[in-house]
Amino acid sequence: MRLLTEATRLFGKRGFHETTVPMIVSATASSIGSFYLHFRSKEDIFAAVLEWLGAQIAAAINQAMAQAGPDPLDHMRIAVKALADFLARNPDEARILIVESSGLGKRLEAVRRAVVQSHTRSVQQALTRLADRLPPIDAAIAASCWVGAVYEAAFHWLEQPEAERASPEHLAESIAAFNLRAIGAPVDRRDS
């Protein structure tokens, strides 16, 4: 776990290309042998970090949704806020998922896409359940747009100087309100 924690911190701060296995090992006060007991390469630990981030995000969304009532619109509102809030409160992790993991080859792209697709499938399922309450939409396309808006807004937020960034709450509420309006859903006054 310490290897994943330190690798996440280093990849988030320095980037994939600037982080080395010796840096990760040094940060954990372990040995190269210990690293290679668990991982074959820097690519392997980066893939493990992406999978770990996917699990953390899923846990944050599930925890937030556990407090929601039975209305799928409330689930969607809470899920998008939980995802945006997680990314905003964990900028190193967001940078890994949104920036650093792009263009690193087929294997790492597949891991990153699996994380994003799990969110997209959940949104598509919710949109399908809400079909009778929304204007006609293609649930698969709308789900991709929904998740893309979260990631793109989080990317924009990350690119801002830290002192100029909106609060994580404002970011999450703005994205939720935008996405709900985009699918023609009523927007809770708290989301405007």
N, C-alpha and C. Protein backbone atom coordinates (compact mmCIF):
# COMPACT_ATOMS: atom_id res chain seq x y z
N MET A 1 0.83 -1.19 0.00
CA MET A 1 0.00 0.00 0.00
C MET A 1 0.88 1.26 0.00
N ARG A 2 1.96 1.22 0.74
CA ARG A 2 2.85 2.39 0.79
C ARG A 2 3.44 2.68 -0.59
N LEU A 3 3.77 1.64 -1.34
CA LEU A 3 4.27 1.85 -2.70
C LEU A 3 3.24 2.58 -3.56
N LEU A 4 1.97 2.16 -3.47
CA LEU A 4 0.91 2.81 -4.25
C LEU A 4 0.71 4.26 -3.81
N THR A 5 0.72 4.48 -2.51
CA THR A 5 0.52 5.84 -1.98
C THR A 5 1.62 6.78 -2.47
N GLU A 6 2.86 6.35 -2.34
CA GLU A 6 3.98 7.20 -2.76
C GLU A 6 4.04 7.33 -4.28
N ALA A 7 3.76 6.26 -4.99
CA ALA A 7 3.74 6.35 -6.45
C ALA A 7 2.66 7.33 -6.90
N THR A 8 1.52 7.29 -6.26
CA THR A 8 0.44 8.23 -6.59
C THR A 8 0.89 9.66 -6.37
N ARG A 9 1.50 9.90 -5.22
CA ARG A 9 1.97 11.26 -4.90
C ARG A 9 2.99 11.72 -5.94
N LEU A 10 3.95 10.87 -6.26
CA LEU A 10 5.00 11.26 -7.21
C LEU A 10 4.47 11.42 -8.63
N PHE A 11 3.64 10.48 -9.09
CA PHE A 11 3.07 10.61 -10.43
C PHE A 11 2.20 11.87 -10.52
N GLY A 12 1.48 12.17 -9.45
CA GLY A 12 0.63 13.36 -9.46
C GLY A 12 1.41 14.66 -9.45
N LYS A 13 2.51 14.69 -8.74
CA LYS A 13 3.33 15.91 -8.65
C LYS A 13 4.31 16.05 -9.82
N ARG A 14 4.97 14.96 -10.18
CA ARG A 14 6.06 15.03 -11.16
C ARG A 14 5.65 14.56 -12.55
N GLY A 15 4.62 13.73 -12.63
CA GLY A 15 4.21 13.17 -13.91
C GLY A 15 4.79 11.78 -14.11
N PHE A 16 4.25 11.07 -15.08
CA PHE A 16 4.69 9.71 -15.35
C PHE A 16 6.15 9.69 -15.81
N HIS A 17 6.47 10.52 -16.78
CA HIS A 17 7.80 10.46 -17.38
C HIS A 17 8.91 10.91 -16.44
N GLU A 18 8.62 11.83 -15.56
CA GLU A 18 9.64 12.36 -14.64
C GLU A 18 9.81 11.52 -13.37
N THR A 19 8.88 10.63 -13.12
CA THR A 19 8.96 9.77 -11.94
C THR A 19 9.72 8.49 -12.31
N THR A 20 10.62 8.10 -11.43
CA THR A 20 11.39 6.88 -11.68
C THR A 20 11.13 5.86 -10.57
N VAL A 21 11.44 4.61 -10.87
CA VAL A 21 11.32 3.56 -9.85
C VAL A 21 12.20 3.88 -8.65
N PRO A 22 13.45 4.31 -8.84
CA PRO A 22 14.26 4.66 -7.66
C PRO A 22 13.64 5.77 -6.81
N MET A 23 12.96 6.73 -7.42
CA MET A 23 12.27 7.78 -6.65
C MET A 23 11.17 7.17 -5.79
N ILE A 24 10.40 6.28 -6.37
CA ILE A 24 9.30 5.64 -5.62
C ILE A 24 9.88 4.83 -4.47
N VAL A 25 10.92 4.07 -4.75
CA VAL A 25 11.55 3.24 -3.73
C VAL A 25 12.11 4.12 -2.61
N SER A 26 12.78 5.20 -2.97
CA SER A 26 13.35 6.11 -1.97
C SER A 26 12.25 6.72 -1.09
N ALA A 27 11.14 7.10 -1.70
CA ALA A 27 10.04 7.71 -0.95
C ALA A 27 9.41 6.74 0.04
N THR A 28 9.53 5.45 -0.23
CA THR A 28 8.94 4.45 0.66
C THR A 28 9.96 3.86 1.62
N ALA A 29 11.21 4.29 1.48
CA ALA A 29 12.30 3.76 2.32
C ALA A 29 12.36 2.24 2.24
N SER A 30 12.12 1.72 1.03
CA SER A 30 12.22 0.27 0.85
C SER A 30 13.37 -0.01 -0.10
N SER A 31 13.33 -1.11 -0.79
CA SER A 31 14.43 -1.48 -1.68
C SER A 31 13.90 -1.74 -3.09
N ILE A 32 14.82 -1.67 -4.04
CA ILE A 32 14.47 -1.99 -5.43
C ILE A 32 13.93 -3.41 -5.51
N GLY A 33 14.55 -4.32 -4.78
CA GLY A 33 14.10 -5.71 -4.77
C GLY A 33 12.66 -5.83 -4.29
N SER A 34 12.33 -5.07 -3.26
CA SER A 34 10.96 -5.07 -2.73
C SER A 34 9.98 -4.56 -3.80
N PHE A 35 10.38 -3.50 -4.50
CA PHE A 35 9.52 -2.97 -5.57
C PHE A 35 9.25 -4.06 -6.60
N TYR A 36 10.34 -4.71 -7.06
CA TYR A 36 10.19 -5.69 -8.13
C TYR A 36 9.55 -6.99 -7.66
N LEU A 37 9.41 -7.16 -6.37
CA LEU A 37 8.65 -8.28 -5.85
C LEU A 37 7.16 -8.09 -6.16
N HIS A 38 6.73 -6.83 -6.20
CA HIS A 38 5.31 -6.50 -6.42
C HIS A 38 4.99 -6.05 -7.84
N PHE A 39 5.94 -5.39 -8.50
CA PHE A 39 5.70 -4.82 -9.83
C PHE A 39 6.86 -5.12 -10.75
N ARG A 40 6.56 -5.31 -12.03
CA ARG A 40 7.61 -5.59 -13.01
C ARG A 40 8.26 -4.32 -13.54
N SER A 41 7.52 -3.19 -13.49
CA SER A 41 8.02 -1.96 -14.11
C SER A 41 7.26 -0.75 -13.58
N LYS A 42 7.72 0.41 -13.99
CA LYS A 42 7.02 1.66 -13.66
C LYS A 42 5.62 1.63 -14.28
N GLU A 43 5.49 1.07 -15.47
CA GLU A 43 4.19 0.96 -16.12
C GLU A 43 3.23 0.12 -15.27
N ASP A 44 3.74 -0.95 -14.68
CA ASP A 44 2.90 -1.81 -13.83
C ASP A 44 2.37 -1.07 -12.61
N ILE A 45 3.24 -0.31 -11.96
CA ILE A 45 2.76 0.41 -10.77
C ILE A 45 1.82 1.53 -11.18
N PHE A 46 2.07 2.15 -12.34
CA PHE A 46 1.15 3.19 -12.81
C PHE A 46 -0.23 2.59 -13.09
N ALA A 47 -0.28 1.42 -13.71
CA ALA A 47 -1.56 0.73 -13.95
C ALA A 47 -2.24 0.42 -12.63
N ALA A 48 -1.47 -0.03 -11.65
CA ALA A 48 -2.04 -0.32 -10.33
C ALA A 48 -2.58 0.95 -9.68
N VAL A 49 -1.87 2.07 -9.85
CA VAL A 49 -2.34 3.35 -9.31
C VAL A 49 -3.67 3.73 -9.97
N LEU A 50 -3.77 3.59 -11.30
CA LEU A 50 -5.03 3.91 -11.98
C LEU A 50 -6.18 3.04 -11.47
N GLU A 51 -5.94 1.75 -11.32
CA GLU A 51 -6.98 0.85 -10.81
C GLU A 51 -7.36 1.23 -9.38
N TRP A 52 -6.38 1.57 -8.57
CA TRP A 52 -6.62 1.98 -7.19
C TRP A 52 -7.44 3.27 -7.14
N LEU A 53 -7.12 4.21 -8.04
CA LEU A 53 -7.90 5.46 -8.12
C LEU A 53 -9.34 5.15 -8.53
N GLY A 54 -9.51 4.25 -9.48
CA GLY A 54 -10.87 3.87 -9.88
C GLY A 54 -11.66 3.32 -8.71
N ALA A 55 -11.02 2.50 -7.88
CA ALA A 55 -11.69 1.94 -6.70
C ALA A 55 -12.00 3.02 -5.67
N GLN A 56 -11.08 3.97 -5.50
CA GLN A 56 -11.32 5.07 -4.55
C GLN A 56 -12.48 5.94 -5.01
N ILE A 57 -12.52 6.23 -6.30
CA ILE A 57 -13.61 7.05 -6.84
C ILE A 57 -14.93 6.32 -6.70
N ALA A 58 -14.96 5.05 -7.02
CA ALA A 58 -16.19 4.27 -6.88
C ALA A 58 -16.66 4.25 -5.43
N ALA A 59 -15.74 4.11 -4.51
CA ALA A 59 -16.10 4.11 -3.09
C ALA A 59 -16.67 5.46 -2.67
N ALA A 60 -16.07 6.56 -3.14
CA ALA A 60 -16.57 7.89 -2.80
C ALA A 60 -17.97 8.11 -3.36
N ILE A 61 -18.19 7.67 -4.60
CA ILE A 61 -19.51 7.83 -5.22
C ILE A 61 -20.53 6.95 -4.49
N ASN A 62 -20.18 5.71 -4.22
CA ASN A 62 -21.11 4.80 -3.53
C ASN A 62 -21.45 5.30 -2.13
N GLN A 63 -20.47 5.83 -1.43
CA GLN A 63 -20.73 6.37 -0.09
C GLN A 63 -21.68 7.55 -0.15
N ALA A 64 -21.48 8.43 -1.12
CA ALA A 64 -22.37 9.59 -1.27
C ALA A 64 -23.78 9.15 -1.66
N MET A 65 -23.87 8.18 -2.57
CA MET A 65 -25.18 7.73 -3.05
C MET A 65 -25.95 6.94 -1.99
N ALA A 66 -25.25 6.35 -1.04
CA ALA A 66 -25.92 5.60 0.02
C ALA A 66 -26.85 6.51 0.84
N GLN A 67 -26.57 7.79 0.79
CA GLN A 67 -27.39 8.74 1.54
C GLN A 67 -28.54 9.31 0.72
N ALA A 68 -28.61 8.94 -0.56
CA ALA A 68 -29.66 9.44 -1.43
C ALA A 68 -30.93 8.64 -1.26
N GLY A 69 -32.02 9.24 -1.60
CA GLY A 69 -33.29 8.53 -1.58
C GLY A 69 -33.42 7.67 -2.82
N PRO A 70 -34.63 7.25 -3.15
CA PRO A 70 -34.83 6.32 -4.27
C PRO A 70 -34.85 6.98 -5.65
N ASP A 71 -34.89 8.31 -5.73
CA ASP A 71 -35.02 8.99 -7.01
C ASP A 71 -33.71 8.93 -7.81
N PRO A 72 -33.74 8.35 -9.03
CA PRO A 72 -32.53 8.27 -9.85
C PRO A 72 -31.91 9.64 -10.16
N LEU A 73 -32.75 10.70 -10.25
CA LEU A 73 -32.19 12.03 -10.48
C LEU A 73 -31.34 12.47 -9.29
N ASP A 74 -31.80 12.16 -8.09
CA ASP A 74 -30.98 12.46 -6.91
C ASP A 74 -29.68 11.68 -6.94
N HIS A 75 -29.75 10.42 -7.37
CA HIS A 75 -28.54 9.61 -7.49
C HIS A 75 -27.55 10.26 -8.46
N MET A 76 -28.07 10.71 -9.61
CA MET A 76 -27.20 11.31 -10.62
C MET A 76 -26.59 12.61 -10.10
N ARG A 77 -27.40 13.42 -9.46
CA ARG A 77 -26.92 14.68 -8.90
C ARG A 77 -25.82 14.42 -7.87
N ILE A 78 -26.07 13.49 -6.99
CA ILE A 78 -25.11 13.18 -5.92
C ILE A 78 -23.86 12.52 -6.49
N ALA A 79 -24.02 11.64 -7.47
CA ALA A 79 -22.87 10.95 -8.07
C ALA A 79 -21.94 11.93 -8.77
N VAL A 80 -22.51 12.85 -9.55
CA VAL A 80 -21.65 13.80 -10.26
C VAL A 80 -20.95 14.72 -9.27
N LYS A 81 -21.65 15.11 -8.23
CA LYS A 81 -21.01 15.94 -7.21
C LYS A 81 -19.90 15.17 -6.51
N ALA A 82 -20.14 13.91 -6.21
CA ALA A 82 -19.13 13.09 -5.52
C ALA A 82 -17.89 12.91 -6.41
N LEU A 83 -18.09 12.65 -7.70
CA LEU A 83 -16.96 12.49 -8.61
C LEU A 83 -16.18 13.79 -8.74
N ALA A 84 -16.88 14.88 -8.99
CA ALA A 84 -16.20 16.18 -9.14
C ALA A 84 -15.51 16.57 -7.84
N ASP A 85 -16.17 16.32 -6.73
CA ASP A 85 -15.58 16.66 -5.44
C ASP A 85 -14.33 15.83 -5.18
N PHE A 86 -14.37 14.53 -5.50
CA PHE A 86 -13.19 13.69 -5.33
C PHE A 86 -12.03 14.23 -6.15
N LEU A 87 -12.29 14.55 -7.41
CA LEU A 87 -11.22 15.04 -8.29
C LEU A 87 -10.67 16.38 -7.80
N ALA A 88 -11.56 17.26 -7.33
CA ALA A 88 -11.11 18.57 -6.86
C ALA A 88 -10.34 18.47 -5.54
N ARG A 89 -10.75 17.59 -4.67
CA ARG A 89 -10.08 17.46 -3.37
C ARG A 89 -8.80 16.62 -3.46
N ASN A 90 -8.61 15.95 -4.56
CA ASN A 90 -7.43 15.10 -4.76
C ASN A 90 -6.79 15.47 -6.10
N PRO A 91 -6.21 16.67 -6.17
CA PRO A 91 -5.69 17.12 -7.46
C PRO A 91 -4.57 16.25 -8.03
N ASP A 92 -3.75 15.65 -7.19
CA ASP A 92 -2.71 14.76 -7.71
C ASP A 92 -3.33 13.56 -8.40
N GLU A 93 -4.35 12.98 -7.76
CA GLU A 93 -5.03 11.83 -8.33
C GLU A 93 -5.77 12.22 -9.61
N ALA A 94 -6.40 13.39 -9.59
CA ALA A 94 -7.10 13.87 -10.79
C ALA A 94 -6.12 14.07 -11.93
N ARG A 95 -4.97 14.63 -11.63
CA ARG A 95 -3.96 14.86 -12.67
C ARG A 95 -3.50 13.52 -13.27
N ILE A 96 -3.34 12.51 -12.44
CA ILE A 96 -2.95 11.19 -12.94
C ILE A 96 -4.01 10.65 -13.89
N LEU A 97 -5.25 10.70 -13.47
CA LEU A 97 -6.34 10.12 -14.26
C LEU A 97 -6.65 10.91 -15.52
N ILE A 98 -6.59 12.24 -15.42
CA ILE A 98 -7.03 13.08 -16.54
C ILE A 98 -5.88 13.47 -17.47
N VAL A 99 -4.72 13.75 -16.91
CA VAL A 99 -3.62 14.28 -17.72
C VAL A 99 -2.54 13.22 -17.97
N GLU A 100 -1.99 12.70 -16.91
CA GLU A 100 -0.81 11.84 -17.02
C GLU A 100 -1.08 10.51 -17.71
N SER A 101 -2.28 10.00 -17.60
CA SER A 101 -2.56 8.67 -18.14
C SER A 101 -2.88 8.68 -19.64
N SER A 102 -2.97 9.83 -20.24
CA SER A 102 -3.27 9.91 -21.67
C SER A 102 -2.00 9.71 -22.49
N GLY A 103 -2.11 8.92 -23.53
CA GLY A 103 -1.02 8.75 -24.48
C GLY A 103 0.15 7.91 -23.99
N LEU A 104 -0.08 7.04 -23.02
CA LEU A 104 1.01 6.22 -22.49
C LEU A 104 1.02 4.79 -23.04
N GLY A 105 0.34 4.57 -24.10
CA GLY A 105 0.33 3.24 -24.71
C GLY A 105 -0.98 2.52 -24.49
N LYS A 106 -1.14 1.44 -25.24
CA LYS A 106 -2.41 0.71 -25.25
C LYS A 106 -2.79 0.15 -23.89
N ARG A 107 -1.84 -0.43 -23.19
CA ARG A 107 -2.16 -1.06 -21.91
C ARG A 107 -2.67 -0.05 -20.89
N LEU A 108 -1.96 1.05 -20.72
CA LEU A 108 -2.38 2.05 -19.73
C LEU A 108 -3.63 2.79 -20.19
N GLU A 109 -3.77 2.98 -21.48
CA GLU A 109 -4.99 3.59 -22.00
C GLU A 109 -6.19 2.71 -21.70
N ALA A 110 -6.02 1.40 -21.83
CA ALA A 110 -7.12 0.47 -21.53
C ALA A 110 -7.51 0.54 -20.05
N VAL A 111 -6.55 0.67 -19.18
CA VAL A 111 -6.85 0.77 -17.74
C VAL A 111 -7.59 2.07 -17.46
N ARG A 112 -7.09 3.18 -18.03
CA ARG A 112 -7.75 4.48 -17.83
C ARG A 112 -9.17 4.45 -18.39
N ARG A 113 -9.32 3.89 -19.59
CA ARG A 113 -10.66 3.83 -20.20
C ARG A 113 -11.61 2.97 -19.36
N ALA A 114 -11.11 1.92 -18.75
CA ALA A 114 -11.96 1.07 -17.90
C ALA A 114 -12.52 1.88 -16.73
N VAL A 115 -11.70 2.74 -16.14
CA VAL A 115 -12.17 3.58 -15.03
C VAL A 115 -13.26 4.52 -15.53
N VAL A 116 -12.99 5.21 -16.63
CA VAL A 116 -13.96 6.17 -17.18
C VAL A 116 -15.23 5.45 -17.63
N GLN A 117 -15.08 4.31 -18.29
CA GLN A 117 -16.25 3.58 -18.79
C GLN A 117 -17.13 3.07 -17.67
N SER A 118 -16.56 2.78 -16.52
CA SER A 118 -17.40 2.34 -15.41
C SER A 118 -18.32 3.48 -14.97
N HIS A 119 -17.82 4.71 -14.99
CA HIS A 119 -18.68 5.85 -14.65
C HIS A 119 -19.73 6.07 -15.74
N THR A 120 -19.31 5.93 -16.98
CA THR A 120 -20.22 6.14 -18.10
C THR A 120 -21.36 5.11 -18.09
N ARG A 121 -21.03 3.85 -17.80
CA ARG A 121 -22.08 2.81 -17.74
C ARG A 121 -23.10 3.14 -16.64
N SER A 122 -22.62 3.60 -15.51
CA SER A 122 -23.54 3.94 -14.41
C SER A 122 -24.48 5.07 -14.81
N VAL A 123 -23.94 6.08 -15.48
CA VAL A 123 -24.78 7.20 -15.93
C VAL A 123 -25.78 6.71 -16.98
N GLN A 124 -25.33 5.88 -17.90
CA GLN A 124 -26.23 5.36 -18.92
C GLN A 124 -27.38 4.57 -18.30
N GLN A 125 -27.07 3.75 -17.31
CA GLN A 125 -28.13 2.98 -16.64
C GLN A 125 -29.13 3.91 -15.96
N ALA A 126 -28.64 4.96 -15.31
CA ALA A 126 -29.54 5.91 -14.65
C ALA A 126 -30.40 6.64 -15.69
N LEU A 127 -29.80 7.05 -16.80
CA LEU A 127 -30.56 7.73 -17.84
C LEU A 127 -31.64 6.81 -18.43
N THR A 128 -31.32 5.56 -18.57
CA THR A 128 -32.30 4.60 -19.09
C THR A 128 -33.47 4.47 -18.12
N ARG A 129 -33.17 4.44 -16.82
CA ARG A 129 -34.25 4.36 -15.82
C ARG A 129 -35.11 5.63 -15.81
N LEU A 130 -34.53 6.74 -16.23
CA LEU A 130 -35.24 8.02 -16.21
C LEU A 130 -35.89 8.37 -17.55
N ALA A 131 -35.87 7.48 -18.51
CA ALA A 131 -36.32 7.79 -19.86
C ALA A 131 -37.71 8.41 -19.91
N ASP A 132 -38.62 7.97 -19.05
CA ASP A 132 -39.98 8.51 -19.08
C ASP A 132 -40.08 9.89 -18.44
N ARG A 133 -39.04 10.37 -17.78
CA ARG A 133 -39.05 11.68 -17.12
C ARG A 133 -38.21 12.73 -17.83
N LEU A 134 -37.54 12.33 -18.94
CA LEU A 134 -36.64 13.23 -19.64
C LEU A 134 -37.05 13.35 -21.09
N PRO A 135 -36.62 14.44 -21.75
CA PRO A 135 -36.82 14.50 -23.20
C PRO A 135 -36.09 13.33 -23.85
N PRO A 136 -36.51 12.92 -25.04
CA PRO A 136 -35.84 11.79 -25.70
C PRO A 136 -34.34 12.09 -25.92
N ILE A 137 -33.49 11.17 -25.47
CA ILE A 137 -32.05 11.29 -25.67
C ILE A 137 -31.47 9.91 -25.92
N ASP A 138 -30.32 9.87 -26.55
CA ASP A 138 -29.58 8.63 -26.69
C ASP A 138 -28.78 8.47 -25.40
N ALA A 139 -29.16 7.52 -24.57
CA ALA A 139 -28.57 7.39 -23.23
C ALA A 139 -27.06 7.13 -23.29
N ALA A 140 -26.60 6.38 -24.27
CA ALA A 140 -25.17 6.08 -24.36
C ALA A 140 -24.36 7.33 -24.69
N ILE A 141 -24.84 8.10 -25.65
CA ILE A 141 -24.13 9.34 -26.03
C ILE A 141 -24.21 10.35 -24.89
N ALA A 142 -25.40 10.51 -24.32
CA ALA A 142 -25.55 11.47 -23.22
C ALA A 142 -24.68 11.10 -22.03
N ALA A 143 -24.54 9.81 -21.75
CA ALA A 143 -23.70 9.37 -20.63
C ALA A 143 -22.24 9.72 -20.89
N SER A 144 -21.78 9.54 -22.13
CA SER A 144 -20.40 9.91 -22.47
C SER A 144 -20.20 11.41 -22.32
N CYS A 145 -21.17 12.19 -22.75
CA CYS A 145 -21.08 13.65 -22.61
C CYS A 145 -21.07 14.05 -21.14
N TRP A 146 -21.91 13.41 -20.36
CA TRP A 146 -22.03 13.69 -18.92
C TRP A 146 -20.67 13.49 -18.23
N VAL A 147 -20.08 12.32 -18.44
CA VAL A 147 -18.80 12.00 -17.79
C VAL A 147 -17.70 12.87 -18.38
N GLY A 148 -17.74 13.09 -19.68
CA GLY A 148 -16.74 13.96 -20.31
C GLY A 148 -16.78 15.37 -19.74
N ALA A 149 -17.97 15.88 -19.46
CA ALA A 149 -18.08 17.22 -18.88
C ALA A 149 -17.42 17.27 -17.51
N VAL A 150 -17.59 16.22 -16.72
CA VAL A 150 -16.97 16.19 -15.39
C VAL A 150 -15.45 16.22 -15.53
N TYR A 151 -14.92 15.35 -16.36
CA TYR A 151 -13.46 15.27 -16.52
C TYR A 151 -12.88 16.53 -17.15
N GLU A 152 -13.55 17.08 -18.15
CA GLU A 152 -13.04 18.29 -18.79
C GLU A 152 -13.08 19.49 -17.85
N ALA A 153 -14.17 19.61 -17.08
CA ALA A 153 -14.25 20.71 -16.10
C ALA A 153 -13.18 20.54 -15.02
N ALA A 154 -12.96 19.32 -14.59
CA ALA A 154 -11.91 19.07 -13.59
C ALA A 154 -10.53 19.39 -14.18
N PHE A 155 -10.31 19.06 -15.44
CA PHE A 155 -9.04 19.39 -16.10
C PHE A 155 -8.85 20.90 -16.13
N HIS A 156 -9.87 21.62 -16.53
CA HIS A 156 -9.80 23.09 -16.56
C HIS A 156 -9.48 23.63 -15.16
N TRP A 157 -10.13 23.08 -14.16
CA TRP A 157 -9.92 23.50 -12.77
C TRP A 157 -8.46 23.24 -12.37
N LEU A 158 -7.92 22.08 -12.73
CA LEU A 158 -6.53 21.75 -12.40
C LEU A 158 -5.54 22.71 -13.06
N GLU A 159 -5.87 23.20 -14.23
CA GLU A 159 -4.96 24.08 -14.97
C GLU A 159 -4.94 25.50 -14.41
N GLN A 160 -5.90 25.84 -13.57
CA GLN A 160 -5.93 27.17 -12.97
C GLN A 160 -4.88 27.28 -11.88
N PRO A 161 -4.29 28.46 -11.69
CA PRO A 161 -3.41 28.62 -10.53
C PRO A 161 -4.20 28.30 -9.26
N GLU A 162 -3.57 27.62 -8.35
CA GLU A 162 -4.28 27.15 -7.15
C GLU A 162 -5.04 28.26 -6.43
N ALA A 163 -4.46 29.44 -6.36
CA ALA A 163 -5.11 30.56 -5.66
C ALA A 163 -6.36 31.05 -6.39
N GLU A 164 -6.49 30.74 -7.67
CA GLU A 164 -7.63 31.21 -8.45
C GLU A 164 -8.71 30.14 -8.65
N ARG A 165 -8.47 28.93 -8.17
CA ARG A 165 -9.44 27.86 -8.37
C ARG A 165 -10.70 28.11 -7.55
N ALA A 166 -11.82 27.75 -8.15
CA ALA A 166 -13.08 27.76 -7.42
C ALA A 166 -12.99 26.70 -6.32
N SER A 167 -13.84 26.80 -5.34
CA SER A 167 -13.85 25.78 -4.28
C SER A 167 -14.30 24.45 -4.88
N PRO A 168 -13.88 23.34 -4.27
CA PRO A 168 -14.36 22.04 -4.75
C PRO A 168 -15.89 21.96 -4.75
N GLU A 169 -16.52 22.54 -3.76
CA GLU A 169 -17.99 22.52 -3.69
C GLU A 169 -18.60 23.25 -4.88
N HIS A 170 -18.04 24.43 -5.19
CA HIS A 170 -18.56 25.20 -6.32
C HIS A 170 -18.36 24.45 -7.64
N LEU A 171 -17.18 23.86 -7.80
CA LEU A 171 -16.92 23.08 -8.99
C LEU A 171 -17.94 21.95 -9.13
N ALA A 172 -18.12 21.19 -8.07
CA ALA A 172 -19.04 20.05 -8.10
C ALA A 172 -20.48 20.50 -8.38
N GLU A 173 -20.92 21.55 -7.72
CA GLU A 173 -22.29 22.03 -7.91
C GLU A 173 -22.50 22.57 -9.32
N SER A 174 -21.50 23.26 -9.86
CA SER A 174 -21.61 23.81 -11.22
C SER A 174 -21.70 22.70 -12.25
N ILE A 175 -20.88 21.67 -12.10
CA ILE A 175 -20.91 20.56 -13.05
C ILE A 175 -22.25 19.83 -12.96
N ALA A 176 -22.72 19.58 -11.74
CA ALA A 176 -24.00 18.88 -11.57
C ALA A 176 -25.14 19.68 -12.22
N ALA A 177 -25.18 20.98 -11.99
CA ALA A 177 -26.24 21.81 -12.56
C ALA A 177 -26.17 21.79 -14.09
N PHE A 178 -24.97 21.91 -14.64
CA PHE A 178 -24.80 21.88 -16.09
C PHE A 178 -25.28 20.56 -16.67
N ASN A 179 -24.83 19.46 -16.08
CA ASN A 179 -25.20 18.15 -16.61
C ASN A 179 -26.69 17.90 -16.51
N LEU A 180 -27.31 18.30 -15.43
CA LEU A 180 -28.75 18.09 -15.29
C LEU A 180 -29.53 18.92 -16.31
N ARG A 181 -29.11 20.16 -16.52
CA ARG A 181 -29.75 20.98 -17.54
C ARG A 181 -29.57 20.34 -18.93
N ALA A 182 -28.40 19.80 -19.18
CA ALA A 182 -28.09 19.23 -20.49
C ALA A 182 -29.00 18.05 -20.85
N ILE A 183 -29.46 17.31 -19.86
CA ILE A 183 -30.35 16.19 -20.16
C ILE A 183 -31.82 16.57 -20.02
N GLY A 184 -32.08 17.85 -19.73
CA GLY A 184 -33.45 18.31 -19.62
C GLY A 184 -34.12 17.96 -18.29
N ALA A 185 -33.30 17.69 -17.29
CA ALA A 185 -33.83 17.34 -15.97
C ALA A 185 -34.06 18.61 -15.16
N PRO A 186 -35.01 18.56 -14.24
CA PRO A 186 -35.18 19.71 -13.35
C PRO A 186 -33.92 19.84 -12.48
N VAL A 187 -33.48 21.07 -12.32
CA VAL A 187 -32.28 21.34 -11.54
C VAL A 187 -32.69 21.79 -10.15
N ASP A 188 -32.18 21.10 -9.17
CA ASP A 188 -32.43 21.46 -7.78
C ASP A 188 -31.88 22.86 -7.56
N ARG A 189 -32.60 23.69 -6.82
CA ARG A 189 -32.16 25.08 -6.58
C ARG A 189 -30.77 25.12 -5.94
N ARG A 190 -30.40 24.11 -5.20
CA ARG A 190 -29.07 24.09 -4.58
C ARG A 190 -27.99 23.93 -5.63
N ASP A 191 -28.34 23.48 -6.84
CA ASP A 191 -27.36 23.24 -7.89
C ASP A 191 -27.13 24.46 -8.78
N SER A 192 -27.87 25.52 -8.59
CA SER A 192 -27.72 26.65 -9.52
C SER A 192 -26.66 27.60 -9.07
